[in-house]
PDB file of N, CA and C in Angstrom:
ATOM      1  N   MET A   1      77.122 -45.210 -71.843  1.00  0.00           N
ATOM      2  CA  MET A   1      78.508 -45.674 -71.358  1.00  0.00           C
ATOM      3  C   MET A   1      79.148 -46.676 -73.002  1.00  0.00           C
ATOM      4  N   ILE A   2      78.578 -46.810 -74.400  1.00  0.00           N
ATOM      5  CA  ILE A   2      78.790 -47.784 -75.088  1.00  0.00           C
ATOM      6  C   ILE A   2      79.385 -46.021 -76.337  1.00  0.00           C
ATOM      7  N   ALA A   3      78.664 -44.778 -75.562  1.00  0.00           N
ATOM      8  CA  ALA A   3      79.373 -43.649 -76.574  1.00  0.00           C
ATOM      9  C   ALA A   3      80.841 -43.315 -75.603  1.00  0.00           C
ATOM     10  N   VAL A   4      80.870 -43.362 -74.275  1.00  0.00           N
ATOM     11  CA  VAL A   4      81.621 -43.144 -73.906  1.00  0.00           C
ATOM     12  C   VAL A   4      83.359 -43.405 -73.878  1.00  0.00           C
ATOM     13  N   ALA A   5      82.844 -44.840 -74.250  1.00  0.00           N
ATOM     14  CA  ALA A   5      83.730 -45.993 -74.613  1.00  0.00           C
ATOM     15  C   ALA A   5      84.038 -45.752 -76.626  1.00  0.00           C
ATOM     16  N   LEU A   6      83.168 -44.875 -77.009  1.00  0.00           N
ATOM     17  CA  LEU A   6      83.891 -44.945 -78.436  1.00  0.00           C
ATOM     18  C   LEU A   6      84.278 -43.255 -78.719  1.00  0.00           C
ATOM     19  N   MET A   7      84.226 -42.635 -77.627  1.00  0.00           N
ATOM     20  CA  MET A   7      85.212 -41.401 -77.681  1.00  0.00           C
ATOM     21  C   MET A   7      86.312 -41.331 -76.492  1.00  0.00           C
ATOM     22  N   ALA A   8      86.861 -42.672 -75.504  1.00  0.00           N
ATOM     23  CA  ALA A   8      88.246 -43.031 -75.427  1.00  0.00           C
ATOM     24  C   ALA A   8      88.445 -43.713 -76.518  1.00  0.00           C
ATOM     25  N   LEU A   9      87.916 -44.689 -77.135  1.00  0.00           N
ATOM     26  CA  LEU A   9      88.775 -45.047 -78.830  1.00  0.00           C
ATOM     27  C   LEU A   9      89.196 -43.832 -79.662  1.00  0.00           C
ATOM     28  N   ALA A  10      88.298 -43.318 -80.132  1.00  0.00           N
ATOM     29  CA  ALA A  10      89.144 -41.886 -81.148  1.00  0.00           C
ATOM     30  C   ALA A  10      89.877 -40.606 -80.442  1.00  0.00           C
ATOM     31  N   ALA A  11      89.701 -40.175 -79.503  1.00  0.00           N
ATOM     32  CA  ALA A  11      91.165 -39.876 -78.803  1.00  0.00           C
ATOM     33  C   ALA A  11      92.321 -40.642 -78.206  1.00  0.00           C
ATOM     34  N   ALA A  12      92.229 -41.929 -77.795  1.00  0.00           N
ATOM     35  CA  ALA A  12      93.195 -42.875 -78.123  1.00  0.00           C
ATOM     36  C   ALA A  12      93.708 -43.168 -79.207  1.00  0.00           C
ATOM     37  N   GLY A  13      92.908 -43.222 -80.586  1.00  0.00           N
ATOM     38  CA  GLY A  13      93.168 -42.841 -81.775  1.00  0.00           C
ATOM     39  C   GLY A  13      94.327 -41.543 -81.855  1.00  0.00           C
ATOM     40  N   PHE A  14      93.047 -40.598 -81.844  1.00  0.00           N
ATOM     41  CA  PHE A  14      94.536 -39.326 -81.969  1.00  0.00           C
ATOM     42  C   PHE A  14      95.055 -38.534 -81.800  1.00  0.00           C
ATOM     43  N   MET A  15      95.888 -39.184 -80.377  1.00  0.00           N
ATOM     44  CA  MET A  15      96.563 -39.220 -79.357  1.00  0.00           C
ATOM     45  C   MET A  15      98.344 -40.344 -80.159  1.00  0.00           C
ATOM     46  N   VAL A  16      96.956 -41.998 -80.399  1.00  0.00           N
ATOM     47  CA  VAL A  16      98.833 -42.487 -81.200  1.00  0.00           C
ATOM     48  C   VAL A  16      99.384 -41.433 -82.238  1.00  0.00           C
ATOM     49  N   ARG A  17      98.745 -41.263 -83.214  1.00  0.00           N
ATOM     50  CA  ARG A  17      98.615 -40.255 -84.538  1.00  0.00           C
ATOM     51  C   ARG A  17      99.841 -39.480 -84.281  1.00  0.00           C
ATOM     52  N   ALA A  18      99.213 -37.861 -83.223  1.00  0.00           N
ATOM     53  CA  ALA A  18      99.832 -37.428 -82.347  1.00  0.00           C
ATOM     54  C   ALA A  18     101.604 -38.260 -82.120  1.00  0.00           C
ATOM     55  N   ARG A  19     101.931 -39.152 -82.029  1.00  0.00           N
ATOM     56  CA  ARG A  19     103.163 -39.681 -81.918  1.00  0.00           C
ATOM     57  C   ARG A  19     103.714 -40.015 -82.924  1.00  0.00           C
ATOM     58  N   ILE A  20     102.544 -41.398 -83.461  1.00  0.00           N
ATOM     59  CA  ILE A  20     103.470 -42.258 -84.156  1.00  0.00           C
ATOM     60  C   ILE A  20     103.325 -41.330 -86.028  1.00  0.00           C
ATOM     61  N   ARG A  21     104.511 -41.137 -86.607  1.00  0.00           N
ATOM     62  CA  ARG A  21     104.867 -41.016 -87.575  1.00  0.00           C
ATOM     63  C   ARG A  21     103.934 -41.000 -88.946  1.00  0.00           C
ATOM     64  N   SER A  22     104.134 -42.187 -89.073  1.00  0.00           N
ATOM     65  CA  SER A  22     104.039 -43.493 -90.153  1.00  0.00           C
ATOM     66  C   SER A  22     101.579 -43.461 -90.514  1.00  0.00           C
ATOM     67  N   ALA A  23     101.308 -43.177 -91.401  1.00  0.00           N
ATOM     68  CA  ALA A  23     100.323 -43.763 -91.273  1.00  0.00           C
ATOM     69  C   ALA A  23      99.807 -44.573 -90.640  1.00  0.00           C
ATOM     70  N   ALA A  24     100.255 -45.786 -91.765  1.00  0.00           N
ATOM     71  CA  ALA A  24      99.845 -47.721 -91.599  1.00  0.00           C
ATOM     72  C   ALA A  24     100.552 -47.517 -90.328  1.00  0.00           C
ATOM     73  N   LEU A  25     101.081 -47.313 -89.142  1.00  0.00           N
ATOM     74  CA  LEU A  25     101.482 -48.359 -88.044  1.00  0.00           C
ATOM     75  C   LEU A  25     100.081 -46.680 -87.425  1.00  0.00           C
ATOM     76  N   ALA A  26      99.417 -45.383 -87.540  1.00  0.00           N
ATOM     77  CA  ALA A  26      98.647 -44.964 -87.146  1.00  0.00           C
ATOM     78  C   ALA A  26      97.477 -45.564 -86.637  1.00  0.00           C
ATOM     79  N   SER A  27      97.333 -46.386 -87.968  1.00  0.00           N
ATOM     80  CA  SER A  27      96.157 -46.562 -88.222  1.00  0.00           C
ATOM     81  C   SER A  27      95.851 -48.550 -88.127  1.00  0.00           C
ATOM     82  N   ALA A  28      97.531 -48.949 -87.608  1.00  0.00           N
ATOM     83  CA  ALA A  28      96.777 -50.124 -87.282  1.00  0.00           C
ATOM     84  C   ALA A  28      97.028 -50.094 -86.079  1.00  0.00           C
ATOM     85  N   TRP A  29      96.854 -49.260 -85.193  1.00  0.00           N
ATOM     86  CA  TRP A  29      96.549 -48.402 -83.696  1.00  0.00           C
ATOM     87  C   TRP A  29      95.687 -48.358 -83.863  1.00  0.00           C
ATOM     88  N   VAL A  30      94.700 -47.939 -84.419  1.00  0.00           N
ATOM     89  CA  VAL A  30      93.133 -47.901 -84.014  1.00  0.00           C
ATOM     90  C   VAL A  30      92.839 -48.632 -84.781  1.00  0.00           C
ATOM     91  N   GLY A  31      93.301 -49.520 -85.522  1.00  0.00           N
ATOM     92  CA  GLY A  31      92.237 -50.443 -85.885  1.00  0.00           C
ATOM     93  C   GLY A  31      92.310 -51.616 -84.124  1.00  0.00           C
ATOM     94  N   MET A  32      93.566 -51.880 -83.732  1.00  0.00           N
ATOM     95  CA  MET A  32      94.061 -52.340 -82.432  1.00  0.00           C
ATOM     96  C   MET A  32      93.025 -51.795 -81.028  1.00  0.00           C
ATOM     97  N   CYS A  33      92.914 -50.574 -81.864  1.00  0.00           N
ATOM     98  CA  CYS A  33      91.843 -50.266 -80.525  1.00  0.00           C
ATOM     99  C   CYS A  33      89.935 -50.526 -80.439  1.00  0.00           C
ATOM    100  N   PHE A  34      89.900 -50.498 -82.028  1.00  0.00           N
ATOM    101  CA  PHE A  34      88.602 -50.582 -82.395  1.00  0.00           C
ATOM    102  C   PHE A  34      88.426 -52.361 -82.321  1.00  0.00           C
ATOM    103  N   GLY A  35      89.638 -53.208 -82.186  1.00  0.00           N
ATOM    104  CA  GLY A  35      88.929 -54.857 -81.798  1.00  0.00           C
ATOM    105  C   GLY A  35      89.197 -54.571 -80.280  1.00  0.00           C
ATOM    106  N   VAL A  36      89.350 -53.577 -79.814  1.00  0.00           N
ATOM    107  CA  VAL A  36      89.882 -53.495 -77.869  1.00  0.00           C
ATOM    108  C   VAL A  36      88.410 -53.181 -77.697  1.00  0.00           C
ATOM    109  N   GLY A  37      87.531 -52.106 -78.027  1.00  0.00           N
ATOM    110  CA  GLY A  37      86.375 -51.637 -78.027  1.00  0.00           C
ATOM    111  C   GLY A  37      85.150 -52.672 -78.437  1.00  0.00           C
ATOM    112  N   ILE A  38      85.816 -53.459 -79.488  1.00  0.00           N
ATOM    113  CA  ILE A  38      84.248 -54.816 -79.655  1.00  0.00           C
ATOM    114  C   ILE A  38      84.357 -55.572 -78.419  1.00  0.00           C
ATOM    115  N   PHE A  39      85.451 -55.632 -78.032  1.00  0.00           N
ATOM    116  CA  PHE A  39      86.358 -56.700 -76.897  1.00  0.00           C
ATOM    117  C   PHE A  39      85.445 -56.305 -75.361  1.00  0.00           C
ATOM    118  N   VAL A  40      84.752 -54.767 -75.036  1.00  0.00           N
ATOM    119  CA  VAL A  40      85.207 -54.354 -74.007  1.00  0.00           C
ATOM    120  C   VAL A  40      83.889 -53.966 -73.990  1.00  0.00           C
ATOM    121  N   ILE A  41      83.120 -53.618 -75.434  1.00  0.00           N
ATOM    122  CA  ILE A  41      81.730 -53.806 -75.444  1.00  0.00           C
ATOM    123  C   ILE A  41      81.077 -55.292 -75.129  1.00  0.00           C
ATOM    124  N   GLU A  42      81.370 -56.212 -75.679  1.00  0.00           N
ATOM    125  CA  GLU A  42      80.689 -57.657 -75.358  1.00  0.00           C
ATOM    126  C   GLU A  42      81.400 -57.427 -74.072  1.00  0.00           C
ATOM    127  N   ILE A  43      82.190 -57.583 -73.142  1.00  0.00           N
ATOM    128  CA  ILE A  43      82.301 -57.595 -71.684  1.00  0.00           C
ATOM    129  C   ILE A  43      81.236 -57.153 -70.756  1.00  0.00           C
ATOM    130  N   ILE A  44      81.455 -55.175 -71.153  1.00  0.00           N
ATOM    131  CA  ILE A  44      79.970 -54.742 -70.533  1.00  0.00           C
ATOM    132  C   ILE A  44      79.066 -55.553 -70.705  1.00  0.00           C
ATOM    133  N   SER A  45      78.468 -55.873 -71.475  1.00  0.00           N
ATOM    134  CA  SER A  45      77.038 -56.664 -72.213  1.00  0.00           C
ATOM    135  C   SER A  45      75.740 -56.121 -72.391  1.00  0.00           C
ATOM    136  N   LEU A  46      75.788 -55.052 -72.160  1.00  0.00           N
ATOM    137  CA  LEU A  46      74.296 -54.767 -71.660  1.00  0.00           C
ATOM    138  C   LEU A  46      73.572 -55.525 -72.865  1.00  0.00           C
ATOM    139  N   HIS A  47      72.335 -56.278 -72.756  1.00  0.00           N
ATOM    140  CA  HIS A  47      71.171 -56.792 -73.505  1.00  0.00           C
ATOM    141  C   HIS A  47      70.644 -56.640 -75.003  1.00  0.00           C
ATOM    142  N   ALA A  48      70.109 -54.245 -75.112  1.00  0.00           N
ATOM    143  CA  ALA A  48      70.581 -53.987 -75.817  1.00  0.00           C
ATOM    144  C   ALA A  48      71.208 -54.372 -77.028  1.00  0.00           C
ATOM    145  N   VAL A  49      72.248 -54.093 -76.310  1.00  0.00           N
ATOM    146  CA  VAL A  49      73.535 -53.990 -77.636  1.00  0.00           C
ATOM    147  C   VAL A  49      73.759 -55.583 -77.890  1.00  0.00           C
ATOM    148  N   ASP A  50      73.530 -56.427 -77.144  1.00  0.00           N
ATOM    149  CA  ASP A  50      74.129 -58.066 -77.575  1.00  0.00           C
ATOM    150  C   ASP A  50      72.871 -58.668 -78.533  1.00  0.00           C
ATOM    151  N   ALA A  51      71.895 -57.842 -78.348  1.00  0.00           N
ATOM    152  CA  ALA A  51      70.901 -58.099 -79.581  1.00  0.00           C
ATOM    153  C   ALA A  51      71.107 -57.245 -80.838  1.00  0.00           C
ATOM    154  N   VAL A  52      71.512 -56.892 -80.798  1.00  0.00           N
ATOM    155  CA  VAL A  52      72.141 -55.840 -82.162  1.00  0.00           C
ATOM    156  C   VAL A  52      73.215 -57.132 -82.111  1.00  0.00           C
ATOM    157  N   LEU A  53      74.530 -57.143 -81.589  1.00  0.00           N
ATOM    158  CA  LEU A  53      75.698 -57.749 -82.079  1.00  0.00           C
ATOM    159  C   LEU A  53      75.563 -59.395 -82.363  1.00  0.00           C
ATOM    160  N   TYR A  54      74.258 -59.576 -81.913  1.00  0.00           N
ATOM    161  CA  TYR A  54      74.935 -61.200 -81.767  1.00  0.00           C
ATOM    162  C   TYR A  54      73.333 -62.117 -82.740  1.00  0.00           C
ATOM    163  N   HIS A  55      73.079 -60.113 -83.338  1.00  0.00           N
ATOM    164  CA  HIS A  55      72.122 -61.081 -84.601  1.00  0.00           C
ATOM    165  C   HIS A  55      72.243 -61.158 -85.933  1.00  0.00           C
ATOM    166  N   PRO A  56      71.484 -62.612 -86.139  1.00  0.00           N
ATOM    167  CA  PRO A  56      72.270 -63.532 -87.521  1.00  0.00           C
ATOM    168  C   PRO A  56      71.879 -62.671 -88.678  1.00  0.00           C
ATOM    169  N   VAL A  57      73.064 -62.147 -90.037  1.00  0.00           N
ATOM    170  CA  VAL A  57      73.130 -61.351 -90.819  1.00  0.00           C
ATOM    171  C   VAL A  57      73.303 -63.099 -91.809  1.00  0.00           C
ATOM    172  N   GLY A  58      72.922 -63.484 -92.318  1.00  0.00           N
ATOM    173  CA  GLY A  58      72.847 -64.736 -92.865  1.00  0.00           C
ATOM    174  C   GLY A  58      72.972 -65.646 -91.911  1.00  0.00           C
ATOM    175  N   PRO A  59      74.281 -65.750 -92.830  1.00  0.00           N
ATOM    176  CA  PRO A  59      75.320 -67.327 -91.031  1.00  0.00           C
ATOM    177  C   PRO A  59      75.991 -67.407 -90.613  1.00  0.00           C
ATOM    178  N   VAL A  60      75.699 -65.637 -91.060  1.00  0.00           N
ATOM    179  CA  VAL A  60      76.941 -64.925 -90.031  1.00  0.00           C
ATOM    180  C   VAL A  60      76.363 -64.058 -88.112  1.00  0.00           C
ATOM    181  N   LEU A  61      76.739 -63.435 -87.507  1.00  0.00           N
ATOM    182  CA  LEU A  61      76.481 -63.142 -86.486  1.00  0.00           C
ATOM    183  C   LEU A  61      77.794 -61.484 -87.195  1.00  0.00           C
ATOM    184  N   VAL A  62      77.027 -60.507 -86.370  1.00  0.00           N
ATOM    185  CA  VAL A  62      77.695 -58.959 -86.418  1.00  0.00           C
ATOM    186  C   VAL A  62      78.280 -58.803 -85.986  1.00  0.00           C
ATOM    187  N   ILE A  63      78.423 -59.701 -84.447  1.00  0.00           N
ATOM    188  CA  ILE A  63      79.644 -59.292 -84.327  1.00  0.00           C
ATOM    189  C   ILE A  63      80.496 -60.425 -84.318  1.00  0.00           C
ATOM    190  N   ALA A  64      81.082 -61.299 -85.270  1.00  0.00           N
ATOM    191  CA  ALA A  64      81.660 -61.840 -86.487  1.00  0.00           C
ATOM    192  C   ALA A  64      81.937 -61.307 -87.734  1.00  0.00           C
ATOM    193  N   VAL A  65      81.693 -60.198 -88.099  1.00  0.00           N
ATOM    194  CA  VAL A  65      81.355 -59.485 -88.772  1.00  0.00           C
ATOM    195  C   VAL A  65      82.360 -58.754 -88.165  1.00  0.00           C
ATOM    196  N   LEU A  66      82.536 -58.118 -86.943  1.00  0.00           N
ATOM    197  CA  LEU A  66      82.631 -56.629 -86.898  1.00  0.00           C
ATOM    198  C   LEU A  66      84.383 -57.525 -86.161  1.00  0.00           C
ATOM    199  N   TRP A  67      84.484 -57.847 -85.233  1.00  0.00           N
ATOM    200  CA  TRP A  67      85.791 -59.162 -85.252  1.00  0.00           C
ATOM    201  C   TRP A  67      86.178 -59.325 -86.492  1.00  0.00           C
ATOM    202  N   VAL A  68      86.312 -59.701 -87.717  1.00  0.00           N
ATOM    203  CA  VAL A  68      86.709 -59.781 -88.675  1.00  0.00           C
ATOM    204  C   VAL A  68      87.414 -58.464 -89.599  1.00  0.00           C
ATOM    205  N   ALA A  69      86.282 -57.556 -89.493  1.00  0.00           N
ATOM    206  CA  ALA A  69      87.128 -56.901 -90.298  1.00  0.00           C
ATOM    207  C   ALA A  69      88.360 -55.386 -89.480  1.00  0.00           C
ATOM    208  N   ALA A  70      87.806 -55.936 -87.888  1.00  0.00           N
ATOM    209  CA  ALA A  70      88.543 -55.305 -86.387  1.00  0.00           C
ATOM    210  C   ALA A  70      90.585 -56.167 -87.121  1.00  0.00           C
ATOM    211  N   SER A  71      89.956 -57.461 -87.729  1.00  0.00           N
ATOM    212  CA  SER A  71      90.997 -58.032 -87.515  1.00  0.00           C
ATOM    213  C   SER A  71      92.110 -57.817 -88.504  1.00  0.00           C
ATOM    214  N   ALA A  72      91.240 -57.463 -89.745  1.00  0.00           N
ATOM    215  CA  ALA A  72      91.576 -57.356 -90.993  1.00  0.00           C
ATOM    216  C   ALA A  72      92.458 -55.975 -91.418  1.00  0.00           C
ATOM    217  N   TRP A  73      92.004 -54.850 -90.396  1.00  0.00           N
ATOM    218  CA  TRP A  73      92.411 -53.217 -90.480  1.00  0.00           C
ATOM    219  C   TRP A  73      94.052 -53.430 -90.037  1.00  0.00           C
ATOM    220  N   VAL A  74      93.449 -53.820 -88.635  1.00  0.00           N
ATOM    221  CA  VAL A  74      95.432 -54.233 -88.320  1.00  0.00           C
ATOM    222  C   VAL A  74      95.652 -55.520 -89.209  1.00  0.00           C
ATOM    223  N   GLY A  75      95.138 -56.237 -89.533  1.00  0.00           N
ATOM    224  CA  GLY A  75      97.149 -56.956 -90.796  1.00  0.00           C
ATOM    225  C   GLY A  75      97.210 -55.985 -91.491  1.00  0.00           C
ATOM    226  N   VAL A  76      95.894 -55.577 -92.206  1.00  0.00           N
ATOM    227  CA  VAL A  76      96.456 -54.658 -93.665  1.00  0.00           C
ATOM    228  C   VAL A  76      97.656 -54.007 -93.610  1.00  0.00           C
ATOM    229  N   ALA A  77      96.890 -53.546 -92.244  1.00  0.00           N
ATOM    230  CA  ALA A  77      97.841 -51.732 -91.865  1.00  0.00           C
ATOM    231  C   ALA A  77      98.941 -52.349 -91.366  1.00  0.00           C
ATOM    232  N   ALA A  78      99.419 -53.672 -90.576  1.00  0.00           N
ATOM    233  CA  ALA A  78     100.794 -53.927 -90.327  1.00  0.00           C
ATOM    234  C   ALA A  78     101.775 -54.011 -91.299  1.00  0.00           C
ATOM    235  N   LEU A  79     101.134 -55.207 -92.408  1.00  0.00           N
ATOM    236  CA  LEU A  79     102.137 -55.100 -93.665  1.00  0.00           C
ATOM    237  C   LEU A  79     102.383 -54.116 -94.628  1.00  0.00           C
ATOM    238  N   ILE A  80     101.397 -53.670 -94.516  1.00  0.00           N
ATOM    239  CA  ILE A  80     101.210 -52.155 -95.245  1.00  0.00           C
ATOM    240  C   ILE A  80     103.097 -51.594 -94.759  1.00  0.00           C
ATOM    241  N   ALA A  81     102.335 -51.196 -93.104  1.00  0.00           N
ATOM    242  CA  ALA A  81     103.640 -50.454 -92.549  1.00  0.00           C
ATOM    243  C   ALA A  81     105.378 -51.523 -92.903  1.00  0.00           C
ATOM    244  N   ALA A  82     104.601 -53.186 -92.798  1.00  0.00           N
ATOM    245  CA  ALA A  82     106.084 -53.061 -92.749  1.00  0.00           C
ATOM    246  C   ALA A  82     106.904 -53.420 -94.447  1.00  0.00           C
ATOM    247  N   ARG A  83     106.501 -52.581 -94.892  1.00  0.00           N
ATOM    248  CA  ARG A  83     107.212 -52.274 -96.252  1.00  0.00           C
ATOM    249  C   ARG A  83     107.744 -51.603 -96.466  1.00  0.00           C
ATOM    250  N   ARG A  84     107.502 -50.612 -95.916  1.00  0.00           N
ATOM    251  CA  ARG A  84     107.754 -48.855 -95.907  1.00  0.00           C
ATOM    252  C   ARG A  84     108.905 -49.212 -95.046  1.00  0.00           C
TER     253      ARG A  84
END
């Protein structure tokens, strides 16, 4: 199930890249797809996946690191796209 979601995200990223000429905008879209993918994986809520996502790494959970990475990815790509 998760592999299908990841393949769909990759396909969406390739389709977006084909329609958007700016690499920064395409990167922002792919980052957004990554964030939506995290959300979908959380909604599906398989217990084995939850065990990995909610595992503490130091003072934070793995899922928190993924959310921060997705947010930073979209934010930085959007800033780069806005400056061009």
